[in-house]
Amino acid sequence: MMASKGELVARTSAVNVDDARVAYRLHGQGPAVVLVNGTAALDTHWGPVVAELGKQRTVISLDYSGSGDTTNDGNSLCLQKLARQVKEVAAAADVDRFDLVGHSLGAAIAIELAATSPDLVRSLIVVAGFSWGAEARLKLQFELWLDLLRTNREAFLKLLLLSGLTPTFVSMLGTSAIQDMIKAYVPLANWEGIARHEPHARN
């Protein structure tokens, strides 16, 4: 299929990391920036960010274990394992240093990578993130998320949105739009993968 004028075409690939075959995409050309999604997120959740950055940058996005097209052995996942996947994706893309952007769980992964491999990370931007899920309040929140994920996925997504969006933004969207977003996303999410994320665990 021919790309329309102004459309950014992704170059897709994958790399073996530990027990996983990690899928990733390259967009644009220039100094590298790595985007790390949050829980249950896909490239589309970055909205126009990928296309805008791709005008002057090489944008690297990936499906860490438990999301998207990445395959693995199905074991539980911790921040160190997910950070290694980001590191190896950058290496596979032949990138020595990069700007690193993480959202939500992706922010925690980005912090872990920046702390353990500071020579690779030129700059770090975290959005709606946390540094370690073993903090008592976060641990209780993650346990509630997992309970809802297993028993009521729509309720899980509602809580995820309420936890991650400001009251002003929720009011701007409106109840009807939020319900439509949730219903559209339920069949798309990798629910089994999400349930394996353990941000409070370390190996």
C-alpha atoms as a PDB file:
ATOM      1  CA  MET A   1       0.000   0.000   0.000  1.00  0.00           C
ATOM      2  CA  MET A   2       1.324   3.460  -0.910  1.00  0.00           C
ATOM      3  CA  ALA A   3       1.681   5.881   1.964  1.00  0.00           C
ATOM      4  CA  SER A   4      -0.308   9.090   1.668  1.00  0.00           C
ATOM      5  CA  LYS A   5       1.508  12.416   1.649  1.00  0.00           C
ATOM      6  CA  GLY A   6       2.808  13.227   5.124  1.00  0.00           C
ATOM      7  CA  GLU A   7       2.135   9.745   6.475  1.00  0.00           C
ATOM      8  CA  LEU A   8       4.912   8.245   8.593  1.00  0.00           C
ATOM      9  CA  VAL A   9       5.646   4.640   7.617  1.00  0.00           C
ATOM     10  CA  ALA A  10       6.985   2.380  10.373  1.00  0.00           C
ATOM     11  CA  ARG A  11       9.789  -0.105   9.794  1.00  0.00           C
ATOM     12  CA  THR A  12       8.948  -3.168  11.868  1.00  0.00           C
ATOM     13  CA  SER A  13      11.316  -5.754  13.318  1.00  0.00           C
ATOM     14  CA  ALA A  14      11.881  -7.979  16.366  1.00  0.00           C
ATOM     15  CA  VAL A  15      14.759  -9.040  18.608  1.00  0.00           C
ATOM     16  CA  ASN A  16      15.275 -11.980  20.968  1.00  0.00           C
ATOM     17  CA  VAL A  17      15.683 -10.917  24.613  1.00  0.00           C
ATOM     18  CA  ASP A  18      15.882 -13.629  27.279  1.00  0.00           C
ATOM     19  CA  ASP A  19      12.741 -15.727  26.702  1.00  0.00           C
ATOM     20  CA  ALA A  20      10.951 -13.169  24.509  1.00  0.00           C
ATOM     21  CA  ARG A  21      10.748 -12.189  20.863  1.00  0.00           C
ATOM     22  CA  VAL A  22      10.265  -8.434  21.267  1.00  0.00           C
ATOM     23  CA  ALA A  23       8.513  -6.568  18.460  1.00  0.00           C
ATOM     24  CA  TYR A  24       9.496  -2.979  17.754  1.00  0.00           C
ATOM     25  CA  ARG A  25       9.048  -0.244  15.173  1.00  0.00           C
ATOM     26  CA  LEU A  26      11.224   2.549  13.785  1.00  0.00           C
ATOM     27  CA  HIS A  27       9.680   5.777  12.538  1.00  0.00           C
ATOM     28  CA  GLY A  28      11.425   8.699  10.864  1.00  0.00           C
ATOM     29  CA  GLN A  29      15.124   9.532  10.846  1.00  0.00           C
ATOM     30  CA  GLY A  30      17.443  11.579  13.054  1.00  0.00           C
ATOM     31  CA  PRO A  31      18.573  11.545  16.703  1.00  0.00           C
ATOM     32  CA  ALA A  32      16.886   8.621  18.439  1.00  0.00           C
ATOM     33  CA  VAL A  33      14.040   8.832  20.941  1.00  0.00           C
ATOM     34  CA  VAL A  34      12.570   5.708  22.552  1.00  0.00           C
ATOM     35  CA  LEU A  35       8.901   5.682  23.602  1.00  0.00           C
ATOM     36  CA  VAL A  36       7.828   3.195  26.284  1.00  0.00           C
ATOM     37  CA  ASN A  37       4.083   2.627  26.584  1.00  0.00           C
ATOM     38  CA  GLY A  38       2.065   2.268  29.752  1.00  0.00           C
ATOM     39  CA  THR A  39       0.041  -0.757  30.841  1.00  0.00           C
ATOM     40  CA  ALA A  40      -2.382  -1.998  28.181  1.00  0.00           C
ATOM     41  CA  ALA A  41      -1.107   0.630  25.745  1.00  0.00           C
ATOM     42  CA  LEU A  42      -0.193   0.455  22.060  1.00  0.00           C
ATOM     43  CA  ASP A  43       1.582   2.845  19.680  1.00  0.00           C
ATOM     44  CA  THR A  44      -1.750   4.494  18.950  1.00  0.00           C
ATOM     45  CA  HIS A  45      -1.910   5.769  22.537  1.00  0.00           C
ATOM     46  CA  TRP A  46       0.865   8.241  21.717  1.00  0.00           C
ATOM     47  CA  GLY A  47      -1.541   9.910  19.283  1.00  0.00           C
ATOM     48  CA  PRO A  48       0.204  12.448  17.026  1.00  0.00           C
ATOM     49  CA  VAL A  49       3.441  12.346  19.065  1.00  0.00           C
ATOM     50  CA  VAL A  50       5.062   9.636  16.915  1.00  0.00           C
ATOM     51  CA  ALA A  51       4.324  11.422  13.639  1.00  0.00           C
ATOM     52  CA  GLU A  52       5.488  14.802  14.930  1.00  0.00           C
ATOM     53  CA  LEU A  53       8.725  13.482  16.418  1.00  0.00           C
ATOM     54  CA  GLY A  54       9.336  11.363  13.329  1.00  0.00           C
ATOM     55  CA  LYS A  55       9.668  14.476  11.187  1.00  0.00           C
ATOM     56  CA  GLN A  56      13.115  15.110  12.693  1.00  0.00           C
ATOM     57  CA  ARG A  57      13.891  12.096  14.892  1.00  0.00           C
ATOM     58  CA  THR A  58      14.202   8.330  14.730  1.00  0.00           C
ATOM     59  CA  VAL A  59      11.322   7.233  16.944  1.00  0.00           C
ATOM     60  CA  ILE A  60      11.620   3.736  18.427  1.00  0.00           C
ATOM     61  CA  SER A  61       8.508   2.159  19.918  1.00  0.00           C
ATOM     62  CA  LEU A  62       8.180  -1.384  21.193  1.00  0.00           C
ATOM     63  CA  ASP A  63       5.798  -4.003  22.547  1.00  0.00           C
ATOM     64  CA  TYR A  64       7.412  -5.124  25.792  1.00  0.00           C
ATOM     65  CA  SER A  65       6.351  -8.545  27.082  1.00  0.00           C
ATOM     66  CA  GLY A  66       2.655  -8.708  27.846  1.00  0.00           C
ATOM     67  CA  SER A  67       1.663  -6.330  25.061  1.00  0.00           C
ATOM     68  CA  GLY A  68       1.199  -6.158  21.319  1.00  0.00           C
ATOM     69  CA  ASP A  69       3.009  -8.576  19.008  1.00  0.00           C
ATOM     70  CA  THR A  70       5.737  -9.692  21.422  1.00  0.00           C
ATOM     71  CA  THR A  71       5.817 -13.404  22.285  1.00  0.00           C
ATOM     72  CA  ASN A  72       7.419 -15.063  25.323  1.00  0.00           C
ATOM     73  CA  ASP A  73       7.150 -17.936  27.797  1.00  0.00           C
ATOM     74  CA  GLY A  74       4.224 -16.520  29.774  1.00  0.00           C
ATOM     75  CA  ASN A  75       6.060 -16.091  33.084  1.00  0.00           C
ATOM     76  CA  SER A  76       5.556 -13.107  35.405  1.00  0.00           C
ATOM     77  CA  LEU A  77       7.262  -9.853  34.455  1.00  0.00           C
ATOM     78  CA  CYS A  78       9.318  -7.391  36.513  1.00  0.00           C
ATOM     79  CA  LEU A  79      10.795  -3.968  35.805  1.00  0.00           C
ATOM     80  CA  GLN A  80      14.324  -5.272  35.299  1.00  0.00           C
ATOM     81  CA  LYS A  81      13.223  -7.756  32.651  1.00  0.00           C
ATOM     82  CA  LEU A  82      11.169  -5.126  30.805  1.00  0.00           C
ATOM     83  CA  ALA A  83      14.004  -2.569  31.012  1.00  0.00           C
ATOM     84  CA  ARG A  84      16.379  -5.121  29.456  1.00  0.00           C
ATOM     85  CA  GLN A  85      13.956  -5.470  26.568  1.00  0.00           C
ATOM     86  CA  VAL A  86      14.014  -1.720  25.927  1.00  0.00           C
ATOM     87  CA  LYS A  87      17.826  -1.729  26.093  1.00  0.00           C
ATOM     88  CA  GLU A  88      18.144  -4.610  23.621  1.00  0.00           C
ATOM     89  CA  VAL A  89      15.632  -3.072  21.220  1.00  0.00           C
ATOM     90  CA  ALA A  90      17.768   0.088  21.105  1.00  0.00           C
ATOM     91  CA  ALA A  91      20.871  -2.030  20.487  1.00  0.00           C
ATOM     92  CA  ALA A  92      19.110  -3.949  17.710  1.00  0.00           C
ATOM     93  CA  ALA A  93      18.184  -0.621  16.131  1.00  0.00           C
ATOM     94  CA  ASP A  94      21.915   0.279  16.205  1.00  0.00           C
ATOM     95  CA  VAL A  95      21.352   3.199  18.580  1.00  0.00           C
ATOM     96  CA  ASP A  96      24.127   4.069  21.067  1.00  0.00           C
ATOM     97  CA  ARG A  97      22.390   6.904  22.942  1.00  0.00           C
ATOM     98  CA  PHE A  98      18.808   8.045  22.965  1.00  0.00           C
ATOM     99  CA  ASP A  99      16.258  10.264  24.629  1.00  0.00           C
ATOM    100  CA  LEU A 100      13.883   8.108  26.671  1.00  0.00           C
ATOM    101  CA  VAL A 101      10.174   8.800  27.249  1.00  0.00           C
ATOM    102  CA  GLY A 102       8.014   6.584  29.443  1.00  0.00           C
ATOM    103  CA  HIS A 103       4.333   6.754  30.364  1.00  0.00           C
ATOM    104  CA  SER A 104       2.799   5.134  33.469  1.00  0.00           C
ATOM    105  CA  LEU A 105       4.330   1.629  33.731  1.00  0.00           C
ATOM    106  CA  GLY A 106       6.553   2.711  30.850  1.00  0.00           C
ATOM    107  CA  ALA A 107       7.836   5.523  33.076  1.00  0.00           C
ATOM    108  CA  ALA A 108       8.846   3.008  35.743  1.00  0.00           C
ATOM    109  CA  ILE A 109      10.591   0.917  33.079  1.00  0.00           C
ATOM    110  CA  ALA A 110      12.351   4.025  31.761  1.00  0.00           C
ATOM    111  CA  ILE A 111      13.539   5.001  35.261  1.00  0.00           C
ATOM    112  CA  GLU A 112      14.895   1.477  35.795  1.00  0.00           C
ATOM    113  CA  LEU A 113      16.798   1.612  32.499  1.00  0.00           C
ATOM    114  CA  ALA A 114      18.169   5.107  33.118  1.00  0.00           C
ATOM    115  CA  ALA A 115      19.351   4.078  36.595  1.00  0.00           C
ATOM    116  CA  THR A 116      21.081   0.901  35.431  1.00  0.00           C
ATOM    117  CA  SER A 117      22.418   2.102  32.048  1.00  0.00           C
ATOM    118  CA  PRO A 118      22.929   5.872  32.364  1.00  0.00           C
ATOM    119  CA  ASP A 119      25.486   5.847  29.553  1.00  0.00           C
ATOM    120  CA  LEU A 120      22.714   5.009  27.079  1.00  0.00           C
ATOM    121  CA  VAL A 121      20.144   7.598  28.123  1.00  0.00           C
ATOM    122  CA  ARG A 122      20.730  11.130  26.847  1.00  0.00           C
ATOM    123  CA  SER A 123      17.640  12.517  28.573  1.00  0.00           C
ATOM    124  CA  LEU A 124      14.696  11.084  30.499  1.00  0.00           C
ATOM    125  CA  ILE A 125      11.059  12.203  30.403  1.00  0.00           C
ATOM    126  CA  VAL A 126       8.484  10.433  32.566  1.00  0.00           C
ATOM    127  CA  VAL A 127       4.739  11.034  32.281  1.00  0.00           C
ATOM    128  CA  ALA A 128       2.277   9.950  34.994  1.00  0.00           C
ATOM    129  CA  GLY A 129       4.892   7.547  36.305  1.00  0.00           C
ATOM    130  CA  PHE A 130       6.099   5.867  39.455  1.00  0.00           C
ATOM    131  CA  SER A 131       9.577   4.710  40.432  1.00  0.00           C
ATOM    132  CA  TRP A 132       8.808   1.440  42.185  1.00  0.00           C
ATOM    133  CA  GLY A 133       5.507  -0.330  42.774  1.00  0.00           C
ATOM    134  CA  ALA A 134       6.451  -1.707  46.202  1.00  0.00           C
ATOM    135  CA  GLU A 135       5.415   1.592  47.827  1.00  0.00           C
ATOM    136  CA  ALA A 136       2.451   0.608  50.039  1.00  0.00           C
ATOM    137  CA  ARG A 137      -0.273   2.683  48.385  1.00  0.00           C
ATOM    138  CA  LEU A 138       0.802   1.728  44.868  1.00  0.00           C
ATOM    139  CA  LYS A 139       1.033  -1.940  45.826  1.00  0.00           C
ATOM    140  CA  LEU A 140      -2.579  -1.861  47.057  1.00  0.00           C
ATOM    141  CA  GLN A 141      -3.639  -0.074  43.883  1.00  0.00           C
ATOM    142  CA  PHE A 142      -1.929  -2.645  41.655  1.00  0.00           C
ATOM    143  CA  GLU A 143      -3.551  -5.490  43.602  1.00  0.00           C
ATOM    144  CA  LEU A 144      -6.957  -3.850  43.063  1.00  0.00           C
ATOM    145  CA  TRP A 145      -6.189  -3.476  39.359  1.00  0.00           C
ATOM    146  CA  LEU A 146      -5.354  -7.174  39.092  1.00  0.00           C
ATOM    147  CA  ASP A 147      -8.517  -8.183  40.951  1.00  0.00           C
ATOM    148  CA  LEU A 148     -10.665  -6.081  38.613  1.00  0.00           C
ATOM    149  CA  LEU A 149      -8.728  -7.239  35.569  1.00  0.00           C
ATOM    150  CA  ARG A 150      -9.634 -10.841  36.378  1.00  0.00           C
ATOM    151  CA  THR A 151     -13.255 -10.179  37.355  1.00  0.00           C
ATOM    152  CA  ASN A 152     -14.509  -7.006  35.637  1.00  0.00           C
ATOM    153  CA  ARG A 153     -12.421  -5.648  32.764  1.00  0.00           C
ATOM    154  CA  GLU A 154     -14.626  -2.630  32.090  1.00  0.00           C
ATOM    155  CA  ALA A 155     -14.316  -1.611  35.746  1.00  0.00           C
ATOM    156  CA  PHE A 156     -10.537  -2.070  35.487  1.00  0.00           C
ATOM    157  CA  LEU A 157     -10.389   0.302  32.518  1.00  0.00           C
ATOM    158  CA  LYS A 158     -12.589   2.851  34.286  1.00  0.00           C
ATOM    159  CA  LEU A 159     -10.262   2.824  37.282  1.00  0.00           C
ATOM    160  CA  LEU A 160      -7.230   3.047  34.983  1.00  0.00           C
ATOM    161  CA  LEU A 161      -8.672   6.127  33.284  1.00  0.00           C
ATOM    162  CA  LEU A 162      -9.666   7.769  36.565  1.00  0.00           C
ATOM    163  CA  SER A 163      -6.193   7.107  37.964  1.00  0.00           C
ATOM    164  CA  GLY A 164      -4.402   8.463  34.917  1.00  0.00           C
ATOM    165  CA  LEU A 165      -6.538  11.384  33.725  1.00  0.00           C
ATOM    166  CA  THR A 166      -7.151  14.712  35.426  1.00  0.00           C
ATOM    167  CA  PRO A 167     -10.705  15.682  36.492  1.00  0.00           C
ATOM    168  CA  THR A 168     -10.636  18.488  33.910  1.00  0.00           C
ATOM    169  CA  PHE A 169      -9.773  16.112  31.073  1.00  0.00           C
ATOM    170  CA  VAL A 170     -12.417  13.583  32.166  1.00  0.00           C
ATOM    171  CA  SER A 171     -15.016  16.376  32.211  1.00  0.00           C
ATOM    172  CA  MET A 172     -13.909  17.536  28.775  1.00  0.00           C
ATOM    173  CA  LEU A 173     -14.300  14.036  27.322  1.00  0.00           C
ATOM    174  CA  GLY A 174     -17.659  13.378  28.947  1.00  0.00           C
ATOM    175  CA  THR A 175     -19.170  10.151  30.243  1.00  0.00           C
ATOM    176  CA  SER A 176     -20.442   8.952  26.868  1.00  0.00           C
ATOM    177  CA  ALA A 177     -17.048   9.299  25.155  1.00  0.00           C
ATOM    178  CA  ILE A 178     -15.299   7.493  28.003  1.00  0.00           C
ATOM    179  CA  GLN A 179     -17.784   4.617  27.849  1.00  0.00           C
ATOM    180  CA  ASP A 180     -17.233   4.364  24.084  1.00  0.00           C
ATOM    181  CA  MET A 181     -13.439   4.297  24.609  1.00  0.00           C
ATOM    182  CA  ILE A 182     -13.743   1.503  27.153  1.00  0.00           C
ATOM    183  CA  LYS A 183     -16.066  -0.629  25.027  1.00  0.00           C
ATOM    184  CA  ALA A 184     -13.803  -0.212  21.997  1.00  0.00           C
ATOM    185  CA  TYR A 185     -10.693  -1.175  23.942  1.00  0.00           C
ATOM    186  CA  VAL A 186     -11.957  -4.290  25.768  1.00  0.00           C
ATOM    187  CA  PRO A 187     -11.578  -6.601  22.730  1.00  0.00           C
ATOM    188  CA  LEU A 188      -8.168  -5.129  21.795  1.00  0.00           C
ATOM    189  CA  ALA A 189      -6.239  -5.448  25.052  1.00  0.00           C
ATOM    190  CA  ASN A 190      -3.802  -8.260  25.792  1.00  0.00           C
ATOM    191  CA  TRP A 191      -5.484  -9.148  29.089  1.00  0.00           C
ATOM    192  CA  GLU A 192      -3.337 -12.182  29.852  1.00  0.00           C
ATOM    193  CA  GLY A 193      -0.204 -10.103  29.283  1.00  0.00           C
ATOM    194  CA  ILE A 194      -1.381  -7.235  31.474  1.00  0.00           C
ATOM    195  CA  ALA A 195      -2.054  -9.655  34.324  1.00  0.00           C
ATOM    196  CA  ARG A 196       1.602 -10.761  34.227  1.00  0.00           C
ATOM    197  CA  HIS A 197       3.056  -7.310  34.895  1.00  0.00           C
ATOM    198  CA  GLU A 198       4.435  -7.072  38.427  1.00  0.00           C
ATOM    199  CA  PRO A 199       5.882  -3.551  38.819  1.00  0.00           C
ATOM    200  CA  HIS A 200       6.450  -4.165  42.551  1.00  0.00           C
ATOM    201  CA  ALA A 201       8.657  -7.190  41.815  1.00  0.00           C
ATOM    202  CA  ARG A 202      12.389  -7.207  41.124  1.00  0.00           C
ATOM    203  CA  ASN A 203      14.653 -10.060  40.116  1.00  0.00           C
END
